[in-house]
PDB file of all heavy atoms in Angstrom:
ATOM      1  N   TYR A   1       0.885  -1.187   0.016  1.00  0.00           N
ATOM      2  CA  TYR A   1       0.001  -0.011   0.022  1.00  0.00           C
ATOM      3  C   TYR A   1       0.899   1.204  -0.060  1.00  0.00           C
ATOM      4  O   TYR A   1       2.054   1.174   0.424  1.00  0.00           O
ATOM      5  CB  TYR A   1      -0.957   0.043   1.287  1.00  0.00           C
ATOM      6  CG  TYR A   1      -0.229   0.273   2.471  1.00  0.00           C
ATOM      7  CD1 TYR A   1      -0.145   1.629   3.042  1.00  0.00           C
ATOM      8  CD2 TYR A   1       0.333  -0.685   3.263  1.00  0.00           C
ATOM      9  CE1 TYR A   1       0.477   1.851   4.148  1.00  0.00           C
ATOM     10  CE2 TYR A   1       0.993  -0.579   4.348  1.00  0.00           C
ATOM     11  CZ  TYR A   1       1.094   0.824   4.961  1.00  0.00           C
ATOM     12  OH  TYR A   1       1.772   1.110   6.096  1.00  0.00           O
ATOM     13  N   TYR A   2       0.342   2.333  -0.469  1.00  0.00           N
ATOM     14  CA  TYR A   2       1.120   3.577  -0.423  1.00  0.00           C
ATOM     15  C   TYR A   2       0.644   4.529   0.655  1.00  0.00           C
ATOM     16  O   TYR A   2      -0.661   4.770   0.645  1.00  0.00           O
ATOM     17  CB  TYR A   2       0.828   4.251  -1.866  1.00  0.00           C
ATOM     18  CG  TYR A   2       1.725   5.510  -1.929  1.00  0.00           C
ATOM     19  CD1 TYR A   2       3.059   5.334  -2.312  1.00  0.00           C
ATOM     20  CD2 TYR A   2       1.213   6.906  -1.862  1.00  0.00           C
ATOM     21  CE1 TYR A   2       3.912   6.645  -2.582  1.00  0.00           C
ATOM     22  CE2 TYR A   2       2.101   8.081  -2.108  1.00  0.00           C
ATOM     23  CZ  TYR A   2       3.385   7.803  -2.389  1.00  0.00           C
ATOM     24  OH  TYR A   2       4.276   8.875  -2.566  1.00  0.00           O
ATOM     25  N   GLY A   3       1.360   4.820   1.561  1.00  0.00           N
ATOM     26  CA  GLY A   3       1.094   5.573   2.674  1.00  0.00           C
ATOM     27  C   GLY A   3       1.903   5.711   3.870  1.00  0.00           C
ATOM     28  O   GLY A   3       3.170   5.625   3.660  1.00  0.00           O
ATOM     29  N   PHE A   4       1.330   5.625   5.050  1.00  0.00           N
ATOM     30  CA  PHE A   4       2.018   5.752   6.261  1.00  0.00           C
ATOM     31  C   PHE A   4       1.636   4.582   7.247  1.00  0.00           C
ATOM     32  O   PHE A   4       1.041   3.660   6.750  1.00  0.00           O
ATOM     33  CB  PHE A   4       1.885   6.989   6.823  1.00  0.00           C
ATOM     34  CG  PHE A   4       2.250   8.220   6.075  1.00  0.00           C
ATOM     35  CD1 PHE A   4       1.204   8.929   5.268  1.00  0.00           C
ATOM     36  CD2 PHE A   4       3.586   8.749   6.036  1.00  0.00           C
ATOM     37  CE1 PHE A   4       1.413   9.931   4.492  1.00  0.00           C
ATOM     38  CE2 PHE A   4       3.767   9.816   5.245  1.00  0.00           C
ATOM     39  CZ  PHE A   4       2.918  10.502   4.542  1.00  0.00           C
ATOM     40  N   GLY A   5       1.890   4.820   8.487  1.00  0.00           N
ATOM     41  CA  GLY A   5       1.381   3.842   9.522  1.00  0.00           C
ATOM     42  C   GLY A   5       0.964   4.668  10.810  1.00  0.00           C
ATOM     43  O   GLY A   5       1.212   5.868  10.889  1.00  0.00           O
ATOM     44  N   CYS A   6       0.346   3.989  11.749  1.00  0.00           N
ATOM     45  CA  CYS A   6      -0.018   4.635  12.945  1.00  0.00           C
ATOM     46  C   CYS A   6      -0.039   3.556  14.006  1.00  0.00           C
ATOM     47  O   CYS A   6      -0.639   2.432  13.860  1.00  0.00           O
ATOM     48  CB  CYS A   6      -1.489   5.158  12.752  1.00  0.00           C
ATOM     49  SG  CYS A   6      -1.961   6.168  14.341  1.00  0.00           S
ATOM     50  N   THR A   7       0.647   3.708  15.196  1.00  0.00           N
ATOM     51  CA  THR A   7       0.724   2.858  16.253  1.00  0.00           C
ATOM     52  C   THR A   7      -0.249   3.480  17.290  1.00  0.00           C
ATOM     53  O   THR A   7      -0.207   4.567  17.668  1.00  0.00           O
ATOM     54  CB  THR A   7       2.106   2.726  16.865  1.00  0.00           C
ATOM     55  OG1 THR A   7       2.970   2.189  15.888  1.00  0.00           O
ATOM     56  CG2 THR A   7       2.112   1.859  18.092  1.00  0.00           C
ATOM     57  N   ILE A   8      -1.171   2.505  17.778  1.00  0.00           N
ATOM     58  CA  ILE A   8      -2.341   2.987  18.643  1.00  0.00           C
ATOM     59  C   ILE A   8      -2.468   2.094  19.814  1.00  0.00           C
ATOM     60  O   ILE A   8      -2.147   0.931  19.785  1.00  0.00           O
ATOM     61  CB  ILE A   8      -3.700   2.839  17.905  1.00  0.00           C
ATOM     62  CG1 ILE A   8      -3.580   3.820  16.691  1.00  0.00           C
ATOM     63  CG2 ILE A   8      -4.782   3.304  18.830  1.00  0.00           C
ATOM     64  CD1 ILE A   8      -4.945   3.769  15.800  1.00  0.00           C
ATOM     65  N   VAL A   9      -2.556   2.552  21.096  1.00  0.00           N
ATOM     66  CA  VAL A   9      -2.880   1.975  22.337  1.00  0.00           C
ATOM     67  C   VAL A   9      -4.298   2.314  22.461  1.00  0.00           C
ATOM     68  O   VAL A   9      -4.747   3.497  22.603  1.00  0.00           O
ATOM     69  CB  VAL A   9      -2.071   2.435  23.421  1.00  0.00           C
ATOM     70  CG1 VAL A   9      -2.473   1.840  24.710  1.00  0.00           C
ATOM     71  CG2 VAL A   9      -0.607   2.088  23.341  1.00  0.00           C
ATOM     72  N   SER A  10      -5.144   1.246  22.756  1.00  0.00           N
ATOM     73  CA  SER A  10      -6.626   1.516  22.925  1.00  0.00           C
ATOM     74  C   SER A  10      -7.031   0.861  24.233  1.00  0.00           C
ATOM     75  O   SER A  10      -6.299  -0.187  24.650  1.00  0.00           O
ATOM     76  CB  SER A  10      -7.393   0.986  21.793  1.00  0.00           C
ATOM     77  OG  SER A  10      -7.471  -0.359  21.625  1.00  0.00           O
ATOM     78  N   THR A  11      -8.198   1.057  24.664  1.00  0.00           N
ATOM     79  CA  THR A  11      -8.779   0.441  25.833  1.00  0.00           C
ATOM     80  C   THR A  11     -10.325   0.752  25.875  1.00  0.00           C
ATOM     81  O   THR A  11     -10.763   1.503  25.089  1.00  0.00           O
ATOM     82  CB  THR A  11      -8.178   1.053  27.143  1.00  0.00           C
ATOM     83  OG1 THR A  11      -8.671   0.174  28.322  1.00  0.00           O
ATOM     84  CG2 THR A  11      -8.450   2.341  27.378  1.00  0.00           C
ATOM     85  N   GLY A  12     -11.032   0.147  26.802  1.00  0.00           N
ATOM     86  CA  GLY A  12     -12.357   0.338  26.888  1.00  0.00           C
ATOM     87  C   GLY A  12     -13.172   0.119  25.650  1.00  0.00           C
ATOM     88  O   GLY A  12     -12.922  -0.823  24.824  1.00  0.00           O
ATOM     89  N   ALA A  13     -14.159   0.997  25.339  1.00  0.00           N
ATOM     90  CA  ALA A  13     -15.043   0.833  24.147  1.00  0.00           C
ATOM     91  C   ALA A  13     -14.384   1.416  22.938  1.00  0.00           C
ATOM     92  O   ALA A  13     -14.826   2.417  22.252  1.00  0.00           O
ATOM     93  CB  ALA A  13     -16.375   1.439  24.429  1.00  0.00           C
ATOM     94  N   LYS A  14     -13.350   0.869  22.396  1.00  0.00           N
ATOM     95  CA  LYS A  14     -12.767   1.138  21.218  1.00  0.00           C
ATOM     96  C   LYS A  14     -12.127   2.604  21.248  1.00  0.00           C
ATOM     97  O   LYS A  14     -12.432   3.414  20.378  1.00  0.00           O
ATOM     98  CB  LYS A  14     -13.691   1.066  19.976  1.00  0.00           C
ATOM     99  CG  LYS A  14     -14.169  -0.311  19.818  1.00  0.00           C
ATOM    100  CD  LYS A  14     -15.200  -0.291  18.684  1.00  0.00           C
ATOM    101  CE  LYS A  14     -16.018  -1.556  18.437  1.00  0.00           C
ATOM    102  NZ  LYS A  14     -16.969  -1.569  17.332  1.00  0.00           N
ATOM    103  N   ILE A  15     -11.505   2.978  22.365  1.00  0.00           N
ATOM    104  CA  ILE A  15     -11.050   4.271  22.600  1.00  0.00           C
ATOM    105  C   ILE A  15      -9.606   4.375  22.477  1.00  0.00           C
ATOM    106  O   ILE A  15      -8.866   3.613  23.304  1.00  0.00           O
ATOM    107  CB  ILE A  15     -11.528   4.769  23.934  1.00  0.00           C
ATOM    108  CG1 ILE A  15     -13.054   4.815  23.980  1.00  0.00           C
ATOM    109  CG2 ILE A  15     -10.919   6.144  24.267  1.00  0.00           C
ATOM    110  CD1 ILE A  15     -13.502   5.250  25.484  1.00  0.00           C
ATOM    111  N   PRO A  16      -9.054   5.137  21.475  1.00  0.00           N
ATOM    112  CA  PRO A  16      -7.613   5.293  21.472  1.00  0.00           C
ATOM    113  C   PRO A  16      -7.086   6.264  22.569  1.00  0.00           C
ATOM    114  O   PRO A  16      -7.679   7.241  22.649  1.00  0.00           O
ATOM    115  CB  PRO A  16      -7.347   5.936  20.128  1.00  0.00           C
ATOM    116  CG  PRO A  16      -8.688   6.675  19.761  1.00  0.00           C
ATOM    117  CD  PRO A  16      -9.849   5.751  20.461  1.00  0.00           C
ATOM    118  N   ILE A  17      -6.046   5.908  23.149  1.00  0.00           N
ATOM    119  CA  ILE A  17      -5.711   6.818  24.372  1.00  0.00           C
ATOM    120  C   ILE A  17      -4.158   7.238  24.155  1.00  0.00           C
ATOM    121  O   ILE A  17      -3.823   8.199  24.902  1.00  0.00           O
ATOM    122  CB  ILE A  17      -5.777   6.123  25.833  1.00  0.00           C
ATOM    123  CG1 ILE A  17      -4.870   4.859  25.778  1.00  0.00           C
ATOM    124  CG2 ILE A  17      -7.220   5.763  25.997  1.00  0.00           C
ATOM    125  CD1 ILE A  17      -4.791   4.168  27.163  1.00  0.00           C
ATOM    126  N   ALA A  18      -3.432   6.673  23.175  1.00  0.00           N
ATOM    127  CA  ALA A  18      -2.047   7.109  22.871  1.00  0.00           C
ATOM    128  C   ALA A  18      -1.950   6.625  21.408  1.00  0.00           C
ATOM    129  O   ALA A  18      -2.396   5.567  20.964  1.00  0.00           O
ATOM    130  CB  ALA A  18      -1.063   6.489  23.748  1.00  0.00           C
ATOM    131  N   ALA A  19      -1.147   7.490  20.722  1.00  0.00           N
ATOM    132  CA  ALA A  19      -0.850   7.139  19.326  1.00  0.00           C
ATOM    133  C   ALA A  19       0.325   7.823  18.761  1.00  0.00           C
ATOM    134  O   ALA A  19       0.765   8.930  19.259  1.00  0.00           O
ATOM    135  CB  ALA A  19      -2.048   7.471  18.371  1.00  0.00           C
ATOM    136  N   GLU A  20       0.864   7.279  17.635  1.00  0.00           N
ATOM    137  CA  GLU A  20       2.010   8.039  16.981  1.00  0.00           C
ATOM    138  C   GLU A  20       1.900   7.736  15.541  1.00  0.00           C
ATOM    139  O   GLU A  20       1.601   6.587  15.082  1.00  0.00           O
ATOM    140  CB  GLU A  20       3.302   7.711  17.461  1.00  0.00           C
ATOM    141  CG  GLU A  20       4.400   8.529  16.992  1.00  0.00           C
ATOM    142  CD  GLU A  20       4.091  10.069  17.036  1.00  0.00           C
ATOM    143  OE1 GLU A  20       3.494  10.544  15.961  1.00  0.00           O
ATOM    144  OE2 GLU A  20       4.519  10.653  17.866  1.00  0.00           O
ATOM    145  N   PHE A  21       2.025   8.641  14.683  1.00  0.00           N
ATOM    146  CA  PHE A  21       2.068   8.594  13.215  1.00  0.00           C
ATOM    147  C   PHE A  21       3.513   8.061  12.940  1.00  0.00           C
ATOM    148  O   PHE A  21       4.560   8.740  13.325  1.00  0.00           O
ATOM    149  CB  PHE A  21       1.687   9.988  12.591  1.00  0.00           C
ATOM    150  CG  PHE A  21       1.654  10.026  11.202  1.00  0.00           C
ATOM    151  CD1 PHE A  21       0.617   9.549  10.347  1.00  0.00           C
ATOM    152  CD2 PHE A  21       2.651  10.653  10.516  1.00  0.00           C
ATOM    153  CE1 PHE A  21       0.389   9.637   8.999  1.00  0.00           C
ATOM    154  CE2 PHE A  21       2.598  10.716   9.025  1.00  0.00           C
ATOM    155  CZ  PHE A  21       1.473  10.154   8.491  1.00  0.00           C
ATOM    156  N   THR A  22       3.599   7.119  11.956  1.00  0.00           N
ATOM    157  CA  THR A  22       4.840   6.624  11.567  1.00  0.00           C
ATOM    158  C   THR A  22       5.002   6.490   9.995  1.00  0.00           C
ATOM    159  O   THR A  22       4.008   6.501   9.292  1.00  0.00           O
ATOM    160  CB  THR A  22       5.010   5.174  12.168  1.00  0.00           C
ATOM    161  OG1 THR A  22       3.917   4.401  11.758  1.00  0.00           O
ATOM    162  CG2 THR A  22       5.141   5.236  13.660  1.00  0.00           C
ATOM    163  N   GLN A  23       6.294   6.415   9.597  1.00  0.00           N
ATOM    164  CA  GLN A  23       6.474   6.290   8.113  1.00  0.00           C
ATOM    165  C   GLN A  23       5.941   5.099   7.496  1.00  0.00           C
ATOM    166  O   GLN A  23       5.445   4.954   6.387  1.00  0.00           O
ATOM    167  CB  GLN A  23       7.937   6.425   7.867  1.00  0.00           C
ATOM    168  CG  GLN A  23       8.331   6.632   6.357  1.00  0.00           C
ATOM    169  CD  GLN A  23       7.707   7.799   5.739  1.00  0.00           C
ATOM    170  OE1 GLN A  23       7.643   8.852   6.291  1.00  0.00           O
ATOM    171  NE2 GLN A  23       7.160   7.733   4.471  1.00  0.00           N
ATOM    172  N   THR A  24       6.077   4.059   8.401  1.00  0.00           N
ATOM    173  CA  THR A  24       5.554   2.595   7.817  1.00  0.00           C
ATOM    174  C   THR A  24       4.612   2.087   8.961  1.00  0.00           C
ATOM    175  O   THR A  24       4.511   2.666   9.947  1.00  0.00           O
ATOM    176  CB  THR A  24       6.807   1.644   7.660  1.00  0.00           C
ATOM    177  OG1 THR A  24       7.464   1.466   8.959  1.00  0.00           O
ATOM    178  CG2 THR A  24       7.766   2.228   6.737  1.00  0.00           C
ATOM    179  N   LYS A  25       3.922   0.966   8.560  1.00  0.00           N
ATOM    180  CA  LYS A  25       3.026   0.390   9.448  1.00  0.00           C
ATOM    181  C   LYS A  25       3.687   0.017  10.672  1.00  0.00           C
ATOM    182  O   LYS A  25       3.226   0.040  11.904  1.00  0.00           O
ATOM    183  CB  LYS A  25       2.315  -0.848   8.886  1.00  0.00           C
ATOM    184  CG  LYS A  25       1.361  -1.503   9.829  1.00  0.00           C
ATOM    185  CD  LYS A  25       0.629  -2.700   9.084  1.00  0.00           C
ATOM    186  CE  LYS A  25      -0.249  -3.419  10.102  1.00  0.00           C
ATOM    187  NZ  LYS A  25      -0.894  -4.634   9.389  1.00  0.00           N
ATOM    188  N   GLN A  26       4.819  -0.832  10.584  1.00  0.00           N
ATOM    189  CA  GLN A  26       5.413  -1.390  11.826  1.00  0.00           C
ATOM    190  C   GLN A  26       6.372  -0.364  12.409  1.00  0.00           C
ATOM    191  O   GLN A  26       7.225   0.118  11.787  1.00  0.00           O
ATOM    192  CB  GLN A  26       6.401  -2.570  11.398  1.00  0.00           C
ATOM    193  CG  GLN A  26       6.835  -3.350  12.518  1.00  0.00           C
ATOM    194  CD  GLN A  26       5.771  -3.877  13.520  1.00  0.00           C
ATOM    195  OE1 GLN A  26       4.791  -4.534  12.911  1.00  0.00           O
ATOM    196  NE2 GLN A  26       5.734  -3.606  14.679  1.00  0.00           N
ATOM    197  N   ALA A  27       6.069   0.065  13.594  1.00  0.00           N
ATOM    198  CA  ALA A  27       6.853   1.003  14.330  1.00  0.00           C
ATOM    199  C   ALA A  27       8.080   0.496  14.900  1.00  0.00           C
ATOM    200  O   ALA A  27       8.220  -0.629  15.176  1.00  0.00           O
ATOM    201  CB  ALA A  27       6.000   1.545  15.472  1.00  0.00           C
ATOM    202  N   ASP A  28       9.151   1.330  14.981  1.00  0.00           N
ATOM    203  CA  ASP A  28      10.347   0.894  15.659  1.00  0.00           C
ATOM    204  C   ASP A  28      10.248   0.811  17.074  1.00  0.00           C
ATOM    205  O   ASP A  28       9.291   1.213  17.661  1.00  0.00           O
ATOM    206  CB  ASP A  28      11.418   1.780  15.118  1.00  0.00           C
ATOM    207  CG  ASP A  28      11.292   3.293  15.588  1.00  0.00           C
ATOM    208  OD1 ASP A  28      10.585   3.472  16.513  1.00  0.00           O
ATOM    209  OD2 ASP A  28      11.758   4.077  14.740  1.00  0.00           O
ATOM    210  N   GLN A  29      11.221   0.296  17.647  1.00  0.00           N
ATOM    211  CA  GLN A  29      11.178   0.114  19.230  1.00  0.00           C
ATOM    212  C   GLN A  29      11.067   1.386  19.970  1.00  0.00           C
ATOM    213  O   GLN A  29      10.327   1.488  20.895  1.00  0.00           O
ATOM    214  CB  GLN A  29      12.358  -0.685  19.661  1.00  0.00           C
ATOM    215  CG  GLN A  29      12.401  -1.058  21.125  1.00  0.00           C
ATOM    216  CD  GLN A  29      13.489  -1.914  21.681  1.00  0.00           C
ATOM    217  OE1 GLN A  29      14.176  -2.625  20.805  1.00  0.00           O
ATOM    218  NE2 GLN A  29      13.863  -1.851  22.821  1.00  0.00           N
ATOM    219  N   LYS A  30      11.727   2.357  19.487  1.00  0.00           N
ATOM    220  CA  LYS A  30      11.815   3.707  20.090  1.00  0.00           C
ATOM    221  C   LYS A  30      10.247   4.362  20.189  1.00  0.00           C
ATOM    222  O   LYS A  30       9.880   4.850  21.179  1.00  0.00           O
ATOM    223  CB  LYS A  30      12.691   4.707  19.415  1.00  0.00           C
ATOM    224  CG  LYS A  30      12.736   6.049  20.019  1.00  0.00           C
ATOM    225  CD  LYS A  30      13.840   6.870  19.246  1.00  0.00           C
ATOM    226  CE  LYS A  30      13.804   8.356  19.924  1.00  0.00           C
ATOM    227  NZ  LYS A  30      15.026   9.166  19.296  1.00  0.00           N
ATOM    228  N   THR A  31       9.659   4.191  19.006  1.00  0.00           N
ATOM    229  CA  THR A  31       8.229   4.621  18.837  1.00  0.00           C
ATOM    230  C   THR A  31       7.406   3.903  19.764  1.00  0.00           C
ATOM    231  O   THR A  31       6.535   4.451  20.509  1.00  0.00           O
ATOM    232  CB  THR A  31       7.744   4.635  17.476  1.00  0.00           C
ATOM    233  OG1 THR A  31       8.601   5.527  16.658  1.00  0.00           O
ATOM    234  CG2 THR A  31       6.404   5.122  17.291  1.00  0.00           C
ATOM    235  N   ALA A  32       7.406   2.555  19.793  1.00  0.00           N
ATOM    236  CA  ALA A  32       6.560   1.633  20.637  1.00  0.00           C
ATOM    237  C   ALA A  32       6.819   2.054  22.122  1.00  0.00           C
ATOM    238  O   ALA A  32       5.818   2.171  22.815  1.00  0.00           O
ATOM    239  CB  ALA A  32       6.945   0.275  20.436  1.00  0.00           C
ATOM    240  N   MET A  33       8.040   2.352  22.520  1.00  0.00           N
ATOM    241  CA  MET A  33       8.177   2.657  23.951  1.00  0.00           C
ATOM    242  C   MET A  33       7.642   4.050  24.243  1.00  0.00           C
ATOM    243  O   MET A  33       7.077   4.238  25.300  1.00  0.00           O
ATOM    244  CB  MET A  33       9.762   2.691  24.133  1.00  0.00           C
ATOM    245  CG  MET A  33      10.368   1.392  24.181  1.00  0.00           C
ATOM    246  SD  MET A  33       9.717   0.266  25.384  1.00  0.00           S
ATOM    247  CE  MET A  33      10.401   1.011  26.927  1.00  0.00           C
ATOM    248  N   ARG A  34       7.651   4.984  23.271  1.00  0.00           N
ATOM    249  CA  ARG A  34       7.152   6.317  23.570  1.00  0.00           C
ATOM    250  C   ARG A  34       5.655   6.290  23.688  1.00  0.00           C
ATOM    251  O   ARG A  34       5.056   6.872  24.559  1.00  0.00           O
ATOM    252  CB  ARG A  34       7.577   7.227  22.462  1.00  0.00           C
ATOM    253  CG  ARG A  34       7.020   8.751  22.655  1.00  0.00           C
ATOM    254  CD  ARG A  34       7.659   9.773  21.762  1.00  0.00           C
ATOM    255  NE  ARG A  34       7.348   9.485  20.208  1.00  0.00           N
ATOM    256  CZ  ARG A  34       8.132   8.967  19.438  1.00  0.00           C
ATOM    257  NH1 ARG A  34       9.361   8.732  19.711  1.00  0.00           N
ATOM    258  NH2 ARG A  34       7.740   8.863  18.110  1.00  0.00           N
ATOM    259  N   VAL A  35       5.044   5.535  22.752  1.00  0.00           N
ATOM    260  CA  VAL A  35       3.419   5.418  22.816  1.00  0.00           C
ATOM    261  C   VAL A  35       3.101   4.661  24.052  1.00  0.00           C
ATOM    262  O   VAL A  35       2.112   5.024  24.576  1.00  0.00           O
ATOM    263  CB  VAL A  35       2.981   4.630  21.480  1.00  0.00           C
ATOM    264  CG1 VAL A  35       1.499   4.423  21.661  1.00  0.00           C
ATOM    265  CG2 VAL A  35       3.398   5.363  20.206  1.00  0.00           C
ATOM    266  N   THR A  36       3.913   3.659  24.503  1.00  0.00           N
ATOM    267  CA  THR A  36       3.585   2.906  25.769  1.00  0.00           C
ATOM    268  C   THR A  36       3.599   3.936  26.891  1.00  0.00           C
ATOM    269  O   THR A  36       2.753   3.893  27.737  1.00  0.00           O
ATOM    270  CB  THR A  36       4.466   1.849  26.001  1.00  0.00           C
ATOM    271  OG1 THR A  36       4.377   0.885  24.872  1.00  0.00           O
ATOM    272  CG2 THR A  36       4.248   1.085  27.158  1.00  0.00           C
ATOM    273  N   ARG A  37       4.727   4.791  26.991  1.00  0.00           N
ATOM    274  CA  ARG A  37       4.735   5.766  28.168  1.00  0.00           C
ATOM    275  C   ARG A  37       3.653   6.650  28.061  1.00  0.00           C
ATOM    276  O   ARG A  37       3.148   6.974  29.108  1.00  0.00           O
ATOM    277  CB  ARG A  37       6.141   6.378  27.998  1.00  0.00           C
ATOM    278  CG  ARG A  37       7.283   5.474  28.511  1.00  0.00           C
ATOM    279  CD  ARG A  37       8.563   6.407  28.498  1.00  0.00           C
ATOM    280  NE  ARG A  37       9.120   6.891  27.255  1.00  0.00           N
ATOM    281  CZ  ARG A  37      10.001   6.311  26.490  1.00  0.00           C
ATOM    282  NH1 ARG A  37      10.552   5.221  26.922  1.00  0.00           N
ATOM    283  NH2 ARG A  37      10.255   6.918  25.449  1.00  0.00           N
ATOM    284  N   ASP A  38       3.247   7.125  26.871  1.00  0.00           N
ATOM    285  CA  ASP A  38       2.239   8.109  26.836  1.00  0.00           C
ATOM    286  C   ASP A  38       0.862   7.341  27.294  1.00  0.00           C
ATOM    287  O   ASP A  38       0.003   8.051  27.960  1.00  0.00           O
ATOM    288  CB  ASP A  38       1.914   8.490  25.379  1.00  0.00           C
ATOM    289  CG  ASP A  38       3.046   9.358  24.823  1.00  0.00           C
ATOM    290  OD1 ASP A  38       3.866   9.896  25.689  1.00  0.00           O
ATOM    291  OD2 ASP A  38       3.121   9.609  23.609  1.00  0.00           O
ATOM    292  N   ALA A  39       0.673   6.199  26.964  1.00  0.00           N
ATOM    293  CA  ALA A  39      -0.523   5.440  27.549  1.00  0.00           C
ATOM    294  C   ALA A  39      -0.504   5.345  29.020  1.00  0.00           C
ATOM    295  O   ALA A  39      -1.606   5.519  29.657  1.00  0.00           O
ATOM    296  CB  ALA A  39      -0.711   3.997  26.848  1.00  0.00           C
ATOM    297  N   LEU A  40       0.553   5.063  29.598  1.00  0.00           N
ATOM    298  CA  LEU A  40       0.675   4.845  31.130  1.00  0.00           C
ATOM    299  C   LEU A  40       0.589   6.124  31.859  1.00  0.00           C
ATOM    300  O   LEU A  40       0.103   6.278  32.940  1.00  0.00           O
ATOM    301  CB  LEU A  40       2.063   4.267  31.426  1.00  0.00           C
ATOM    302  CG  LEU A  40       2.334   2.811  31.053  1.00  0.00           C
ATOM    303  CD1 LEU A  40       3.678   2.255  31.573  1.00  0.00           C
ATOM    304  CD2 LEU A  40       1.175   1.894  31.280  1.00  0.00           C
ATOM    305  N   ALA A  41       0.862   7.292  31.123  1.00  0.00           N
ATOM    306  CA  ALA A  41       0.680   8.686  31.687  1.00  0.00           C
ATOM    307  C   ALA A  41      -0.867   8.944  31.806  1.00  0.00           C
ATOM    308  O   ALA A  41      -1.301   9.751  32.688  1.00  0.00           O
ATOM    309  CB  ALA A  41       1.223   9.725  30.732  1.00  0.00           C
ATOM    310  N   VAL A  42      -1.755   8.288  31.058  1.00  0.00           N
ATOM    311  CA  VAL A  42      -3.210   8.470  31.236  1.00  0.00           C
ATOM    312  C   VAL A  42      -3.685   7.746  32.473  1.00  0.00           C
ATOM    313  O   VAL A  42      -4.325   8.376  33.372  1.00  0.00           O
ATOM    314  CB  VAL A  42      -3.911   7.838  30.050  1.00  0.00           C
ATOM    315  CG1 VAL A  42      -5.439   7.946  30.203  1.00  0.00           C
ATOM    316  CG2 VAL A  42      -3.576   8.477  28.782  1.00  0.00           C
ATOM    317  N   ASP A  43      -3.275   6.483  32.711  1.00  0.00           N
ATOM    318  CA  ASP A  43      -3.645   5.749  33.961  1.00  0.00           C
ATOM    319  C   ASP A  43      -2.869   4.511  33.813  1.00  0.00           C
ATOM    320  O   ASP A  43      -2.199   4.092  32.694  1.00  0.00           O
ATOM    321  CB  ASP A  43      -5.140   5.473  33.914  1.00  0.00           C
ATOM    322  CG  ASP A  43      -5.568   5.071  35.358  1.00  0.00           C
ATOM    323  OD1 ASP A  43      -4.734   5.024  36.228  1.00  0.00           O
ATOM    324  OD2 ASP A  43      -6.792   4.797  35.488  1.00  0.00           O
TER     325      ASP A  43
END
């Protein structure tokens, strides 16, 4: 496909609580860690 990617952390009723826009679908480890930390900052 032609485009980008997005890494999403979700919970509850299909609610995204943290995300990052990426160049490809598969995020690198640095991005995955950042999105994870953002999600833990919510609760």
